[in-house]
């Protein structure tokens, strides 16, 4: 796969990941945390704010992989 195409796909994947993750985290927060205390809110947003990094790291690792030499 050409490097430019790979970067384009990776960029779209990262943007889609952030948008979808933010929507899902917001929906879960509204649905589940409406009557929780401030400590539960803090812990939820701390955890969910860091959790998106794991799939983003996978996408970035895929982006920086060197293409296999043809041979």
N, C-alpha and C. Protein backbone atom coordinates (compact mmCIF):
# COMPACT_ATOMS: atom_id res chain seq x y z
N UNK A 1 0.85 -1.17 0.00
CA UNK A 1 0.00 0.00 0.00
C UNK A 1 0.90 1.24 0.00
N UNK A 2 0.60 2.21 -0.84
CA UNK A 2 1.41 3.43 -0.85
C UNK A 2 1.32 4.18 0.49
N UNK A 3 2.41 4.82 0.85
CA UNK A 3 2.49 5.50 2.15
C UNK A 3 1.44 6.60 2.26
N UNK A 4 1.24 7.35 1.19
CA UNK A 4 0.26 8.45 1.24
C UNK A 4 -1.15 7.93 1.47
N UNK A 5 -1.50 6.84 0.82
CA UNK A 5 -2.82 6.24 1.01
C UNK A 5 -2.98 5.73 2.43
N UNK A 6 -1.94 5.11 2.94
CA UNK A 6 -1.96 4.59 4.31
C UNK A 6 -2.16 5.73 5.31
N UNK A 7 -1.48 6.84 5.10
CA UNK A 7 -1.64 7.99 6.01
C UNK A 7 -3.04 8.59 5.91
N UNK A 8 -3.59 8.63 4.70
CA UNK A 8 -4.95 9.15 4.53
C UNK A 8 -5.95 8.27 5.26
N UNK A 9 -5.83 6.96 5.09
CA UNK A 9 -6.73 6.02 5.78
C UNK A 9 -6.57 6.14 7.29
N UNK A 10 -5.33 6.21 7.76
CA UNK A 10 -5.08 6.34 9.19
C UNK A 10 -5.65 7.62 9.77
N UNK A 11 -5.55 8.70 9.02
CA UNK A 11 -6.11 9.98 9.48
C UNK A 11 -7.61 9.88 9.63
N UNK A 12 -8.28 9.32 8.61
CA UNK A 12 -9.73 9.16 8.71
C UNK A 12 -10.13 8.22 9.85
N UNK A 13 -9.36 7.15 10.05
CA UNK A 13 -9.65 6.23 11.15
C UNK A 13 -9.51 6.92 12.51
N UNK A 14 -8.46 7.72 12.67
CA UNK A 14 -8.27 8.41 13.95
C UNK A 14 -9.38 9.42 14.22
N UNK A 15 -9.76 10.18 13.20
CA UNK A 15 -10.84 11.16 13.37
C UNK A 15 -12.15 10.45 13.69
N UNK A 16 -12.44 9.38 12.96
CA UNK A 16 -13.67 8.62 13.23
C UNK A 16 -13.65 8.02 14.63
N UNK A 17 -12.49 7.50 15.05
CA UNK A 17 -12.37 6.94 16.40
C UNK A 17 -12.69 7.98 17.46
N UNK A 18 -12.12 9.15 17.33
CA UNK A 18 -12.33 10.19 18.34
C UNK A 18 -13.80 10.62 18.38
N UNK A 19 -14.40 10.81 17.22
CA UNK A 19 -15.80 11.26 17.18
C UNK A 19 -16.73 10.18 17.76
N UNK A 20 -16.58 8.95 17.29
CA UNK A 20 -17.46 7.87 17.77
C UNK A 20 -17.23 7.61 19.26
N UNK A 21 -15.98 7.62 19.68
CA UNK A 21 -15.68 7.37 21.09
C UNK A 21 -16.28 8.46 21.98
N UNK A 22 -16.16 9.71 21.54
CA UNK A 22 -16.72 10.81 22.33
C UNK A 22 -18.23 10.70 22.43
N UNK A 23 -18.88 10.35 21.33
CA UNK A 23 -20.34 10.18 21.36
C UNK A 23 -20.75 9.04 22.29
N UNK A 24 -20.08 7.92 22.18
CA UNK A 24 -20.43 6.76 23.03
C UNK A 24 -20.17 7.08 24.51
N UNK A 25 -19.04 7.70 24.81
CA UNK A 25 -18.74 8.04 26.21
C UNK A 25 -19.76 9.04 26.75
N UNK A 26 -20.18 9.98 25.94
CA UNK A 26 -21.18 10.96 26.38
C UNK A 26 -22.53 10.29 26.62
N UNK A 27 -22.91 9.40 25.73
CA UNK A 27 -24.19 8.70 25.89
C UNK A 27 -24.18 7.85 27.16
N UNK A 28 -23.08 7.15 27.39
CA UNK A 28 -22.97 6.34 28.61
C UNK A 28 -23.01 7.23 29.85
N UNK A 29 -22.33 8.35 29.79
CA UNK A 29 -22.31 9.26 30.95
C UNK A 29 -23.70 9.80 31.25
N UNK A 30 -24.42 10.21 30.22
CA UNK A 30 -25.76 10.75 30.44
C UNK A 30 -26.71 9.67 30.95
N UNK A 31 -26.58 8.47 30.39
CA UNK A 31 -27.51 7.40 30.76
C UNK A 31 -27.22 6.80 32.13
N UNK A 32 -25.96 6.72 32.52
CA UNK A 32 -25.61 5.99 33.73
C UNK A 32 -25.19 6.86 34.92
N UNK A 33 -24.74 8.06 34.67
CA UNK A 33 -24.17 8.86 35.75
C UNK A 33 -25.06 10.00 36.23
N UNK A 34 -26.31 10.00 35.85
CA UNK A 34 -27.16 11.14 36.17
C UNK A 34 -27.33 11.34 37.68
N UNK A 35 -27.31 10.29 38.45
CA UNK A 35 -27.52 10.43 39.89
C UNK A 35 -26.30 10.04 40.71
N UNK A 36 -25.15 10.00 40.06
CA UNK A 36 -23.92 9.64 40.75
C UNK A 36 -23.26 10.89 41.33
N UNK A 37 -22.37 10.64 42.28
CA UNK A 37 -21.67 11.74 42.92
C UNK A 37 -20.50 12.24 42.08
N UNK A 38 -19.87 13.32 42.56
CA UNK A 38 -18.76 13.91 41.80
C UNK A 38 -17.54 12.98 41.68
N UNK A 39 -17.29 12.15 42.66
CA UNK A 39 -16.15 11.24 42.57
C UNK A 39 -16.35 10.20 41.46
N UNK A 40 -17.56 9.67 41.33
CA UNK A 40 -17.87 8.73 40.26
C UNK A 40 -17.73 9.41 38.90
N UNK A 41 -18.20 10.65 38.79
CA UNK A 41 -18.05 11.42 37.55
C UNK A 41 -16.58 11.60 37.21
N UNK A 42 -15.81 11.98 38.20
CA UNK A 42 -14.38 12.19 37.98
C UNK A 42 -13.70 10.91 37.51
N UNK A 43 -13.98 9.80 38.19
CA UNK A 43 -13.35 8.54 37.82
C UNK A 43 -13.79 8.07 36.43
N UNK A 44 -15.07 8.23 36.12
CA UNK A 44 -15.55 7.84 34.79
C UNK A 44 -14.85 8.65 33.70
N UNK A 45 -14.81 9.96 33.86
CA UNK A 45 -14.22 10.79 32.82
C UNK A 45 -12.70 10.65 32.77
N UNK A 46 -12.07 10.35 33.89
CA UNK A 46 -10.64 10.07 33.88
C UNK A 46 -10.37 8.78 33.10
N UNK A 47 -11.11 7.73 33.42
CA UNK A 47 -10.93 6.44 32.75
C UNK A 47 -11.30 6.53 31.26
N UNK A 48 -12.46 7.10 30.96
CA UNK A 48 -12.88 7.16 29.57
C UNK A 48 -12.04 8.16 28.77
N UNK A 49 -11.49 9.15 29.42
CA UNK A 49 -10.61 10.09 28.74
C UNK A 49 -9.27 9.49 28.37
N UNK A 50 -8.84 8.47 29.07
CA UNK A 50 -7.57 7.81 28.76
C UNK A 50 -7.75 6.55 27.92
N UNK A 51 -8.92 5.96 27.94
CA UNK A 51 -9.15 4.68 27.27
C UNK A 51 -9.05 4.76 25.75
N UNK A 52 -9.39 5.89 25.15
CA UNK A 52 -9.35 6.01 23.69
C UNK A 52 -7.93 5.93 23.15
N UNK A 53 -6.95 6.11 24.02
CA UNK A 53 -5.55 6.08 23.58
C UNK A 53 -5.16 4.69 23.09
N UNK A 54 -5.72 3.63 23.67
CA UNK A 54 -5.35 2.27 23.28
C UNK A 54 -5.65 1.97 21.81
N UNK A 55 -6.89 2.19 21.33
CA UNK A 55 -7.10 1.94 19.90
C UNK A 55 -6.35 2.93 19.01
N UNK A 56 -6.16 4.16 19.49
CA UNK A 56 -5.40 5.14 18.70
C UNK A 56 -3.95 4.70 18.55
N UNK A 57 -3.39 4.10 19.60
CA UNK A 57 -2.01 3.59 19.50
C UNK A 57 -1.92 2.48 18.46
N UNK A 58 -2.93 1.64 18.39
CA UNK A 58 -2.93 0.58 17.38
C UNK A 58 -2.94 1.14 15.97
N UNK A 59 -3.74 2.17 15.75
CA UNK A 59 -3.79 2.81 14.43
C UNK A 59 -2.45 3.46 14.11
N UNK A 60 -1.87 4.13 15.08
CA UNK A 60 -0.59 4.81 14.84
C UNK A 60 0.53 3.80 14.60
N UNK A 61 0.52 2.70 15.32
CA UNK A 61 1.53 1.66 15.08
C UNK A 61 1.40 1.10 13.67
N UNK A 62 0.17 0.90 13.21
CA UNK A 62 -0.05 0.44 11.85
C UNK A 62 0.48 1.47 10.84
N UNK A 63 0.31 2.74 11.16
CA UNK A 63 0.78 3.80 10.25
C UNK A 63 2.30 3.82 10.11
N UNK A 64 3.01 3.54 11.18
CA UNK A 64 4.46 3.68 11.10
C UNK A 64 5.17 2.40 10.69
N UNK A 65 4.42 1.31 10.50
CA UNK A 65 5.05 0.09 10.04
C UNK A 65 5.64 0.31 8.64
N UNK A 66 6.85 -0.17 8.48
CA UNK A 66 7.49 -0.07 7.16
C UNK A 66 6.87 -1.06 6.21
N UNK A 67 6.67 -0.65 4.96
CA UNK A 67 6.12 -1.62 4.00
C UNK A 67 7.10 -2.76 3.75
N UNK A 68 6.57 -3.95 3.52
CA UNK A 68 7.41 -5.12 3.25
C UNK A 68 8.08 -4.96 1.89
N UNK A 69 9.36 -5.29 1.83
CA UNK A 69 10.03 -5.19 0.52
C UNK A 69 9.49 -6.22 -0.45
N UNK A 70 9.35 -5.80 -1.68
CA UNK A 70 8.86 -6.72 -2.71
C UNK A 70 10.02 -7.59 -3.17
N UNK A 71 9.77 -8.82 -3.29
CA UNK A 71 10.88 -9.66 -3.70
C UNK A 71 10.51 -11.00 -4.01
